[in-house]
N, C-alpha and C. Protein backbone atom coordinates (compact mmCIF):
# COMPACT_ATOMS: atom_id res chain seq x y z
N LYS A 1 0.66 -7.75 -56.85
CA LYS A 1 1.83 -6.69 -57.32
C LYS A 1 2.56 -6.45 -55.66
N HIS A 2 2.04 -6.48 -54.73
CA HIS A 2 2.63 -6.04 -53.53
C HIS A 2 3.32 -7.23 -52.59
N GLY A 3 2.97 -8.55 -53.30
CA GLY A 3 3.70 -9.51 -52.72
C GLY A 3 2.67 -10.05 -51.50
N GLY A 4 1.73 -9.76 -51.39
CA GLY A 4 0.88 -10.67 -50.41
C GLY A 4 -0.16 -11.43 -50.70
N HIS A 5 -0.91 -12.21 -49.88
CA HIS A 5 -1.74 -13.39 -50.64
C HIS A 5 -2.97 -13.33 -49.85
N ILE A 6 -3.98 -14.05 -50.23
CA ILE A 6 -5.24 -14.47 -49.39
C ILE A 6 -5.34 -16.09 -49.27
N SER A 7 -5.51 -16.47 -48.16
CA SER A 7 -5.86 -17.81 -48.22
C SER A 7 -7.34 -18.29 -47.77
N ALA A 8 -8.07 -19.35 -47.93
CA ALA A 8 -9.16 -19.72 -47.33
C ALA A 8 -9.07 -21.04 -47.00
N GLU A 9 -9.87 -21.37 -45.64
CA GLU A 9 -9.92 -22.84 -45.29
C GLU A 9 -11.58 -22.87 -45.04
N SER A 10 -12.14 -23.93 -45.29
CA SER A 10 -13.44 -24.11 -45.07
C SER A 10 -13.65 -25.55 -44.68
N GLN A 11 -14.77 -25.63 -43.59
CA GLN A 11 -15.17 -26.85 -43.27
C GLN A 11 -16.85 -26.88 -43.42
N VAL A 12 -17.35 -27.97 -43.98
CA VAL A 12 -18.79 -27.98 -44.08
C VAL A 12 -19.45 -27.78 -42.65
N GLY A 13 -20.32 -26.80 -42.82
CA GLY A 13 -21.41 -27.10 -41.34
C GLY A 13 -20.43 -26.03 -40.29
N ILE A 14 -19.35 -25.69 -40.31
CA ILE A 14 -18.64 -25.23 -39.41
C ILE A 14 -18.35 -23.53 -39.62
N GLY A 15 -17.90 -23.35 -40.97
CA GLY A 15 -17.61 -22.33 -41.46
C GLY A 15 -16.43 -21.95 -42.10
N THR A 16 -15.91 -20.91 -42.64
CA THR A 16 -14.67 -20.41 -43.49
C THR A 16 -14.06 -19.50 -42.58
N VAL A 17 -12.63 -19.51 -42.99
CA VAL A 17 -11.55 -18.60 -42.34
C VAL A 17 -11.17 -17.90 -43.73
N PHE A 18 -11.04 -16.88 -43.90
CA PHE A 18 -9.87 -16.29 -45.16
C PHE A 18 -9.01 -15.37 -44.09
N THR A 19 -7.88 -15.46 -44.51
CA THR A 19 -6.39 -14.98 -43.91
C THR A 19 -5.76 -14.11 -45.17
N LEU A 20 -5.63 -12.82 -44.74
CA LEU A 20 -5.07 -12.00 -45.41
C LEU A 20 -3.45 -11.83 -45.13
N TYR A 21 -2.53 -12.02 -45.97
CA TYR A 21 -1.31 -11.79 -45.65
C TYR A 21 -0.90 -10.44 -46.61
N LEU A 22 -0.59 -9.25 -45.74
CA LEU A 22 -0.20 -8.40 -46.18
C LEU A 22 1.54 -8.09 -45.94
N VAL A 23 2.12 -7.19 -46.94
CA VAL A 23 3.57 -7.14 -46.93
C VAL A 23 3.68 -5.64 -46.25
N THR A 24 4.58 -5.57 -45.43
CA THR A 24 4.73 -4.31 -44.50
C THR A 24 5.93 -3.57 -45.33
N SER A 25 5.74 -2.41 -44.93
CA SER A 25 6.64 -1.18 -45.93
C SER A 25 8.23 -1.35 -45.17
N GLN A 26 9.01 -1.28 -45.83
CA GLN A 26 10.40 -1.25 -45.05
C GLN A 26 10.77 0.32 -45.11
N ASP A 27 9.75 1.33 -45.57
CA ASP A 27 10.07 2.95 -45.73
C ASP A 27 9.62 3.41 -44.22
N ASP A 28 10.52 3.75 -43.18
CA ASP A 28 10.15 4.18 -42.04
C ASP A 28 9.36 5.62 -41.90
N THR A 29 9.38 6.38 -43.19
CA THR A 29 8.66 7.65 -43.18
C THR A 29 7.10 7.32 -43.24
N VAL A 30 6.64 6.40 -43.92
CA VAL A 30 5.30 5.93 -43.84
C VAL A 30 4.88 5.75 -42.48
N VAL A 31 5.66 4.87 -41.86
CA VAL A 31 5.13 4.79 -40.24
C VAL A 31 5.38 5.99 -39.47
N GLU A 32 6.15 6.94 -39.72
CA GLU A 32 6.30 8.10 -39.04
C GLU A 32 5.07 9.06 -39.15
N ASN A 33 4.56 9.12 -40.37
CA ASN A 33 3.70 10.05 -41.04
C ASN A 33 2.52 9.38 -40.35
N ILE A 34 2.18 8.24 -40.26
CA ILE A 34 0.79 7.49 -39.67
C ILE A 34 0.95 7.97 -37.90
N VAL A 35 2.18 7.49 -37.53
CA VAL A 35 1.87 7.91 -36.23
C VAL A 35 1.86 9.51 -35.74
N SER A 36 2.55 10.07 -36.38
CA SER A 36 2.12 11.64 -36.34
C SER A 36 0.66 12.35 -36.48
N ASP A 37 -0.05 11.50 -37.17
CA ASP A 37 -1.51 11.84 -37.24
C ASP A 37 -2.47 11.25 -35.96
N ILE A 38 -1.40 10.65 -35.00
CA ILE A 38 -2.38 10.33 -33.80
C ILE A 38 -1.99 11.11 -32.67
N HIS A 39 -3.02 11.74 -32.12
CA HIS A 39 -2.69 12.58 -30.93
C HIS A 39 -2.91 11.98 -29.67
N PRO A 40 -1.74 12.12 -28.83
CA PRO A 40 -1.54 11.58 -27.52
C PRO A 40 -2.75 11.94 -26.71
N ASP A 41 -3.10 12.95 -26.61
CA ASP A 41 -4.07 13.72 -25.54
C ASP A 41 -5.40 13.32 -26.09
N PRO A 42 -6.07 12.63 -24.92
CA PRO A 42 -7.37 12.41 -24.84
C PRO A 42 -8.28 13.53 -25.19
N LEU A 43 -9.26 13.40 -26.22
CA LEU A 43 -10.37 14.30 -26.34
C LEU A 43 -11.23 14.68 -25.12
N PRO A 44 -11.60 16.05 -24.99
CA PRO A 44 -12.35 16.24 -23.84
C PRO A 44 -13.73 15.49 -23.78
N LYS A 45 -14.22 14.90 -22.87
CA LYS A 45 -15.32 14.03 -22.72
C LYS A 45 -16.80 14.91 -22.59
N ASN A 46 -17.93 14.54 -22.54
CA ASN A 46 -19.12 14.77 -22.64
C ASN A 46 -19.56 16.27 -23.42
N ALA A 47 -18.73 16.13 -24.75
CA ALA A 47 -19.00 17.31 -25.82
C ALA A 47 -20.47 16.80 -26.41
N THR A 48 -21.20 17.58 -26.83
CA THR A 48 -22.48 17.53 -27.51
C THR A 48 -22.28 17.93 -29.07
N ILE A 49 -22.87 17.14 -29.77
CA ILE A 49 -22.65 17.31 -31.41
C ILE A 49 -23.97 17.50 -32.13
N LEU A 50 -24.15 18.55 -32.86
CA LEU A 50 -25.45 18.55 -33.80
C LEU A 50 -24.70 18.37 -35.19
N MET A 51 -25.42 17.17 -35.74
CA MET A 51 -25.15 16.87 -37.23
C MET A 51 -26.46 17.28 -37.84
N MET A 52 -25.93 18.15 -38.88
CA MET A 52 -27.09 18.54 -40.11
C MET A 52 -26.63 17.59 -41.03
N ASP A 53 -27.43 16.74 -41.83
CA ASP A 53 -27.33 16.14 -42.76
C ASP A 53 -28.64 15.43 -43.41
N ASP A 54 -29.09 15.51 -44.48
CA ASP A 54 -30.36 14.92 -45.04
C ASP A 54 -30.23 13.20 -45.46
N GLU A 55 -29.22 12.59 -45.14
CA GLU A 55 -29.18 11.13 -45.45
C GLU A 55 -28.99 10.77 -43.94
N GLU A 56 -30.08 9.80 -43.63
CA GLU A 56 -30.27 9.16 -42.46
C GLU A 56 -29.09 8.47 -41.96
N ILE A 57 -28.80 7.56 -42.79
CA ILE A 57 -27.47 6.78 -42.72
C ILE A 57 -26.34 7.23 -42.50
N ILE A 58 -25.84 8.56 -42.97
CA ILE A 58 -25.00 9.28 -42.63
C ILE A 58 -24.88 9.46 -41.07
N CYS A 59 -25.88 9.99 -40.52
CA CYS A 59 -26.38 10.43 -39.44
C CYS A 59 -26.07 9.40 -38.39
N ASP A 60 -26.58 8.47 -38.90
CA ASP A 60 -26.46 7.00 -37.86
C ASP A 60 -25.12 6.64 -37.82
N VAL A 61 -24.51 6.77 -38.82
CA VAL A 61 -22.74 6.16 -38.75
C VAL A 61 -22.30 7.01 -38.17
N THR A 62 -22.27 8.25 -38.37
CA THR A 62 -21.51 9.42 -37.48
C THR A 62 -21.89 9.19 -36.13
N SER A 63 -23.03 9.12 -35.78
CA SER A 63 -23.60 9.01 -34.23
C SER A 63 -22.95 7.92 -33.50
N GLU A 64 -22.75 6.54 -34.29
CA GLU A 64 -22.03 5.66 -33.67
C GLU A 64 -20.39 5.87 -33.42
N MET A 65 -20.17 6.71 -34.39
CA MET A 65 -18.30 7.07 -34.25
C MET A 65 -18.36 8.15 -32.97
N VAL A 66 -19.33 8.88 -32.94
CA VAL A 66 -19.40 9.96 -31.92
C VAL A 66 -19.49 9.53 -30.58
N ALA A 67 -20.28 8.44 -30.51
CA ALA A 67 -20.57 7.62 -29.02
C ALA A 67 -19.11 7.14 -28.70
N LEU A 68 -18.32 6.34 -29.83
CA LEU A 68 -17.27 5.88 -29.44
C LEU A 68 -16.38 6.70 -29.03
N LEU A 69 -16.33 7.96 -29.37
CA LEU A 69 -15.20 8.77 -29.02
C LEU A 69 -16.02 9.39 -27.67
N GLY A 70 -17.00 9.08 -27.17
CA GLY A 70 -17.42 9.42 -25.74
C GLY A 70 -18.13 10.63 -25.94
N TYR A 71 -18.75 11.14 -26.78
CA TYR A 71 -19.66 12.47 -26.94
C TYR A 71 -21.19 11.76 -27.37
N SER A 72 -21.76 12.78 -27.39
CA SER A 72 -23.57 12.37 -27.89
C SER A 72 -23.79 13.24 -28.96
N MET A 73 -24.72 12.64 -29.73
CA MET A 73 -25.08 13.52 -30.78
C MET A 73 -26.68 13.81 -31.11
N THR A 74 -26.85 14.75 -31.73
CA THR A 74 -28.42 14.97 -32.04
C THR A 74 -28.19 15.11 -33.53
N SER A 75 -29.29 14.44 -34.44
CA SER A 75 -29.14 14.87 -35.93
C SER A 75 -30.38 15.96 -36.43
N ALA A 76 -30.13 16.46 -37.24
CA ALA A 76 -31.20 17.24 -37.92
C ALA A 76 -31.01 16.94 -39.53
N PRO A 77 -32.16 16.84 -40.21
CA PRO A 77 -32.18 16.75 -41.49
C PRO A 77 -31.91 17.84 -42.40
N ASN A 78 -32.10 18.99 -41.99
CA ASN A 78 -31.90 20.57 -42.91
C ASN A 78 -31.43 21.42 -41.84
N GLY A 79 -31.36 22.44 -42.46
CA GLY A 79 -30.63 23.59 -41.93
C GLY A 79 -31.89 24.23 -40.92
N THR A 80 -33.18 24.40 -41.33
CA THR A 80 -34.30 24.73 -40.46
C THR A 80 -34.34 23.91 -39.32
N THR A 81 -34.29 22.75 -39.31
CA THR A 81 -34.38 21.78 -37.83
C THR A 81 -33.03 22.21 -37.05
N ALA A 82 -31.94 22.08 -37.65
CA ALA A 82 -30.75 22.55 -37.20
C ALA A 82 -30.98 23.63 -36.25
N LEU A 83 -31.08 24.91 -36.93
CA LEU A 83 -31.33 26.02 -36.18
C LEU A 83 -32.37 26.02 -35.27
N ASP A 84 -33.18 25.72 -35.26
CA ASP A 84 -34.48 25.25 -34.25
C ASP A 84 -33.62 24.26 -32.86
N LEU A 85 -33.07 23.25 -33.47
CA LEU A 85 -32.25 22.54 -32.06
C LEU A 85 -31.20 23.45 -31.56
N TYR A 86 -30.69 24.38 -32.27
CA TYR A 86 -29.61 24.98 -31.64
C TYR A 86 -30.03 26.26 -30.78
N LYS A 87 -31.04 26.80 -31.14
CA LYS A 87 -31.64 27.59 -30.55
C LYS A 87 -32.28 27.16 -29.45
N HIS A 88 -32.77 26.03 -29.40
CA HIS A 88 -33.23 25.26 -28.15
C HIS A 88 -32.21 25.10 -27.07
N SER A 89 -31.08 24.86 -27.72
CA SER A 89 -29.92 24.32 -26.58
C SER A 89 -29.35 25.74 -25.96
N MET A 90 -29.24 26.79 -26.84
CA MET A 90 -29.04 28.12 -26.32
C MET A 90 -29.86 28.51 -25.24
N ASP A 91 -31.19 28.48 -25.41
CA ASP A 91 -32.39 28.80 -24.51
C ASP A 91 -32.14 28.16 -23.13
N ASN A 92 -31.74 26.81 -23.29
CA ASN A 92 -31.51 26.03 -21.83
C ASN A 92 -30.18 26.06 -21.43
N ASN A 93 -29.23 27.19 -22.05
CA ASN A 93 -28.00 27.58 -21.41
C ASN A 93 -27.23 26.03 -21.52
N ASN A 94 -27.09 25.37 -22.67
CA ASN A 94 -26.30 24.07 -22.89
C ASN A 94 -26.24 23.79 -24.52
N PRO A 95 -25.62 24.73 -25.03
CA PRO A 95 -25.20 24.78 -26.18
C PRO A 95 -24.62 23.79 -26.99
N PHE A 96 -24.62 23.32 -28.07
CA PHE A 96 -23.92 22.35 -28.77
C PHE A 96 -22.49 22.55 -28.72
N ASP A 97 -21.51 21.59 -28.52
CA ASP A 97 -19.91 22.30 -28.36
C ASP A 97 -19.44 22.27 -30.13
N VAL A 98 -20.27 21.47 -30.83
CA VAL A 98 -19.86 21.72 -32.31
C VAL A 98 -20.88 21.16 -32.92
N VAL A 99 -20.95 21.84 -34.36
CA VAL A 99 -21.80 21.37 -35.07
C VAL A 99 -21.27 20.94 -36.63
N ILE A 100 -21.94 19.78 -37.04
CA ILE A 100 -21.36 19.26 -38.31
C ILE A 100 -22.33 19.72 -39.35
N MET A 101 -21.97 20.14 -40.45
CA MET A 101 -22.94 20.81 -41.42
C MET A 101 -22.87 20.20 -42.73
N ASP A 102 -23.72 19.44 -43.39
CA ASP A 102 -23.52 19.06 -44.70
C ASP A 102 -23.64 20.29 -45.66
N LEU A 103 -22.63 20.37 -46.86
CA LEU A 103 -22.76 21.39 -47.38
C LEU A 103 -24.00 21.55 -48.15
N THR A 104 -24.55 20.54 -48.65
CA THR A 104 -25.67 20.37 -49.59
C THR A 104 -26.72 19.72 -49.13
N VAL A 105 -27.91 20.09 -48.96
CA VAL A 105 -29.12 19.70 -48.72
C VAL A 105 -30.24 20.01 -49.86
N PRO A 106 -30.39 18.89 -50.78
CA PRO A 106 -31.46 19.17 -51.86
C PRO A 106 -32.92 19.80 -51.53
N GLY A 107 -33.26 20.65 -52.02
CA GLY A 107 -34.57 21.48 -51.77
C GLY A 107 -34.59 21.92 -50.43
N GLU A 108 -33.54 22.12 -49.44
CA GLU A 108 -33.57 22.69 -48.20
C GLU A 108 -32.59 23.57 -48.01
N MET A 109 -32.29 24.28 -46.69
CA MET A 109 -31.31 24.95 -46.57
C MET A 109 -30.09 24.24 -46.20
N GLY A 110 -29.09 24.37 -46.92
CA GLY A 110 -27.81 23.69 -46.86
C GLY A 110 -27.08 24.28 -45.82
N GLY A 111 -25.49 23.89 -45.69
CA GLY A 111 -24.44 24.37 -44.81
C GLY A 111 -24.39 25.94 -44.96
N LYS A 112 -24.09 26.15 -46.23
CA LYS A 112 -23.58 27.58 -46.72
C LYS A 112 -24.37 28.53 -46.17
N GLU A 113 -25.60 28.25 -46.42
CA GLU A 113 -27.02 29.14 -45.87
C GLU A 113 -26.96 29.17 -44.41
N THR A 114 -27.06 27.98 -43.98
CA THR A 114 -27.24 27.67 -42.49
C THR A 114 -26.50 28.32 -41.58
N ILE A 115 -25.04 28.38 -41.90
CA ILE A 115 -24.00 28.89 -41.15
C ILE A 115 -24.26 30.31 -40.81
N LYS A 116 -24.57 30.99 -42.02
CA LYS A 116 -24.89 32.56 -41.79
C LYS A 116 -26.04 32.77 -40.57
N LYS A 117 -27.10 32.02 -40.56
CA LYS A 117 -28.04 32.13 -39.40
C LYS A 117 -27.35 32.02 -38.25
N LEU A 118 -26.95 30.67 -38.30
CA LEU A 118 -26.18 30.08 -37.05
C LEU A 118 -25.41 31.04 -36.16
N LEU A 119 -24.52 31.66 -36.99
CA LEU A 119 -23.98 32.64 -36.37
C LEU A 119 -24.07 33.66 -36.13
N GLU A 120 -25.52 34.22 -36.68
CA GLU A 120 -26.28 35.27 -36.13
C GLU A 120 -26.84 34.73 -34.38
N ILE A 121 -27.11 33.58 -34.47
CA ILE A 121 -27.44 33.11 -33.22
C ILE A 121 -26.35 33.22 -32.20
N HIS A 122 -25.13 32.57 -32.57
CA HIS A 122 -24.07 32.17 -31.71
C HIS A 122 -22.74 32.81 -32.45
N PRO A 123 -22.37 33.89 -32.35
CA PRO A 123 -21.37 34.20 -33.41
C PRO A 123 -19.95 33.34 -33.08
N LYS A 124 -19.70 32.64 -31.54
CA LYS A 124 -18.66 31.71 -31.25
C LYS A 124 -19.08 30.47 -31.78
N ALA A 125 -19.87 29.97 -32.26
CA ALA A 125 -20.37 28.51 -32.66
C ALA A 125 -19.08 28.06 -33.66
N LYS A 126 -18.70 26.52 -32.78
CA LYS A 126 -17.94 26.04 -33.73
C LYS A 126 -18.61 24.73 -34.65
N VAL A 127 -18.37 25.42 -36.05
CA VAL A 127 -19.08 24.51 -37.18
C VAL A 127 -17.98 24.03 -38.33
N ILE A 128 -18.31 22.66 -38.46
CA ILE A 128 -17.54 21.96 -39.41
C ILE A 128 -18.48 21.61 -40.41
N VAL A 129 -17.83 21.87 -41.71
CA VAL A 129 -18.65 21.87 -42.94
C VAL A 129 -18.06 20.42 -43.32
N ALA A 130 -19.08 19.68 -43.95
CA ALA A 130 -18.76 18.01 -44.42
C ALA A 130 -19.55 17.99 -45.94
N SER A 131 -18.74 17.53 -46.79
CA SER A 131 -19.22 17.30 -47.95
C SER A 131 -18.22 16.44 -48.74
N GLY A 132 -18.62 15.60 -49.76
CA GLY A 132 -18.07 14.89 -50.88
C GLY A 132 -17.40 15.37 -51.96
N TYR A 133 -18.11 16.92 -52.04
CA TYR A 133 -17.70 17.92 -53.22
C TYR A 133 -16.34 18.46 -52.84
N THR A 134 -15.43 17.98 -53.06
CA THR A 134 -13.81 18.20 -52.48
C THR A 134 -13.73 19.37 -53.47
N ASP A 135 -13.96 19.75 -54.74
CA ASP A 135 -13.77 21.04 -55.64
C ASP A 135 -14.66 22.10 -55.14
N ASP A 136 -15.54 22.10 -54.27
CA ASP A 136 -16.41 23.14 -54.05
C ASP A 136 -15.61 24.25 -53.39
N HIS A 137 -15.70 25.46 -53.50
CA HIS A 137 -15.34 26.57 -53.20
C HIS A 137 -15.22 26.66 -51.62
N VAL A 138 -16.28 26.30 -51.17
CA VAL A 138 -16.84 26.73 -49.38
C VAL A 138 -15.59 25.57 -49.10
N MET A 139 -15.73 24.29 -49.29
CA MET A 139 -14.44 23.08 -48.84
C MET A 139 -13.16 23.73 -48.96
N ALA A 140 -12.90 24.01 -50.02
CA ALA A 140 -11.45 24.78 -50.08
C ALA A 140 -11.15 26.06 -49.14
N ASN A 141 -12.11 26.80 -49.16
CA ASN A 141 -11.73 28.17 -48.22
C ASN A 141 -13.23 28.20 -47.05
N TYR A 142 -13.16 27.13 -46.38
CA TYR A 142 -14.16 26.91 -45.18
C TYR A 142 -14.33 28.07 -44.27
N GLU A 143 -12.94 28.76 -43.92
CA GLU A 143 -13.05 29.73 -42.87
C GLU A 143 -13.54 30.80 -43.25
N ASP A 144 -13.35 31.16 -44.81
CA ASP A 144 -13.76 32.18 -45.12
C ASP A 144 -15.34 32.37 -44.97
N TYR A 145 -16.09 31.19 -44.92
CA TYR A 145 -17.51 31.07 -44.80
C TYR A 145 -18.10 31.17 -43.19
N GLY A 146 -17.06 31.21 -42.43
CA GLY A 146 -17.29 30.86 -41.10
C GLY A 146 -17.24 29.51 -40.15
N PHE A 147 -17.00 28.82 -41.25
CA PHE A 147 -16.62 27.36 -40.64
C PHE A 147 -15.15 27.09 -39.55
N SER A 148 -15.26 26.36 -38.68
CA SER A 148 -14.05 26.17 -38.13
C SER A 148 -13.40 25.06 -38.47
N GLY A 149 -13.69 24.15 -39.46
CA GLY A 149 -12.98 22.77 -39.82
C GLY A 149 -13.89 22.23 -41.11
N ARG A 150 -13.33 21.05 -41.49
CA ARG A 150 -14.04 20.57 -42.57
C ARG A 150 -13.56 19.07 -42.76
N LEU A 151 -14.57 18.45 -43.02
CA LEU A 151 -14.71 16.94 -43.17
C LEU A 151 -15.05 16.37 -44.67
N VAL A 152 -14.29 15.64 -45.19
CA VAL A 152 -14.32 15.37 -46.46
C VAL A 152 -15.11 13.98 -46.44
N LYS A 153 -16.15 13.72 -47.30
CA LYS A 153 -16.93 12.41 -46.95
C LYS A 153 -16.77 11.54 -48.31
N PRO A 154 -16.45 10.64 -47.86
CA PRO A 154 -16.89 9.80 -46.73
C PRO A 154 -15.57 9.73 -45.67
N PHE A 155 -15.99 10.19 -44.26
CA PHE A 155 -14.62 10.24 -43.53
C PHE A 155 -14.67 9.08 -42.73
N GLN A 156 -13.63 8.97 -42.09
CA GLN A 156 -13.12 7.80 -41.50
C GLN A 156 -13.08 8.29 -39.85
N MET A 157 -13.11 7.16 -39.05
CA MET A 157 -12.85 7.66 -37.45
C MET A 157 -11.89 8.43 -37.44
N LYS A 158 -10.71 8.14 -37.67
CA LYS A 158 -9.86 9.27 -37.47
C LYS A 158 -9.62 10.50 -37.66
N ASP A 159 -10.41 10.51 -38.98
CA ASP A 159 -10.73 12.05 -39.53
C ASP A 159 -11.57 12.72 -38.78
N LEU A 160 -12.75 12.03 -38.30
CA LEU A 160 -13.64 12.64 -37.29
C LEU A 160 -13.04 12.92 -36.18
N LYS A 161 -12.22 12.14 -35.51
CA LYS A 161 -11.61 12.41 -34.10
C LYS A 161 -10.83 13.81 -34.31
N ASN A 162 -9.88 13.50 -35.45
CA ASN A 162 -9.04 14.88 -35.34
C ASN A 162 -9.56 16.11 -35.47
N GLU A 163 -10.39 16.10 -36.45
CA GLU A 163 -11.09 17.45 -36.55
C GLU A 163 -12.10 17.88 -35.50
N LEU A 164 -12.58 16.95 -34.60
CA LEU A 164 -13.23 17.53 -33.58
C LEU A 164 -12.19 17.81 -32.38
N GLU A 165 -11.15 17.13 -32.59
CA GLU A 165 -10.06 17.68 -31.58
C GLU A 165 -9.59 19.02 -31.62
N ILE A 166 -9.44 19.03 -32.89
CA ILE A 166 -8.66 20.42 -33.37
C ILE A 166 -9.95 21.75 -33.19
N VAL A 167 -11.25 21.44 -33.38
CA VAL A 167 -12.19 22.49 -33.39
C VAL A 167 -12.56 22.70 -31.95
N LEU A 168 -12.72 21.54 -31.09
CA LEU A 168 -12.78 21.33 -29.75
C LEU A 168 -11.77 22.39 -29.19
N GLN A 169 -10.68 22.46 -29.40
CA GLN A 169 -9.65 23.09 -28.86
C GLN A 169 -9.47 24.30 -28.92
N MET A 170 -10.41 24.86 -29.90
CA MET A 170 -10.66 26.37 -30.37
C MET A 170 -11.09 27.46 -29.51
């Protein structure tokens, strides 16, 4: 329906090449909206991120994304471990720059409970809530719960970059 097409060329024993032809938009506002989402200023480097998520694959993928942005990341599977890691970083005068917390951790302390305790440890902590439950009250009103930002799962690199940039500049 969009006027594009896919072609394939294959040679036995050599491989296959698929070519995708996509139609570009004639509407300049689409291009302007995309360009306005890209911030020209580079992100500050050497930031440290703590990611709390019970799904190892999410931590692994996010860690790769964070590394591409020039940051380092430590992960925790639940709120208790995240609090221990954060306390340790504070005790060593090297607090995490940003914490990303999954809102729900089955059978453990999730983001809503963990942020309360984290803000008792460090009231100025910068914390991003992450969840796929976009209709959750916490996601809709994240600032009311002490979060500095939010990421809707699954998030893309540009979403992570933009949210980290905003939160790091707070």
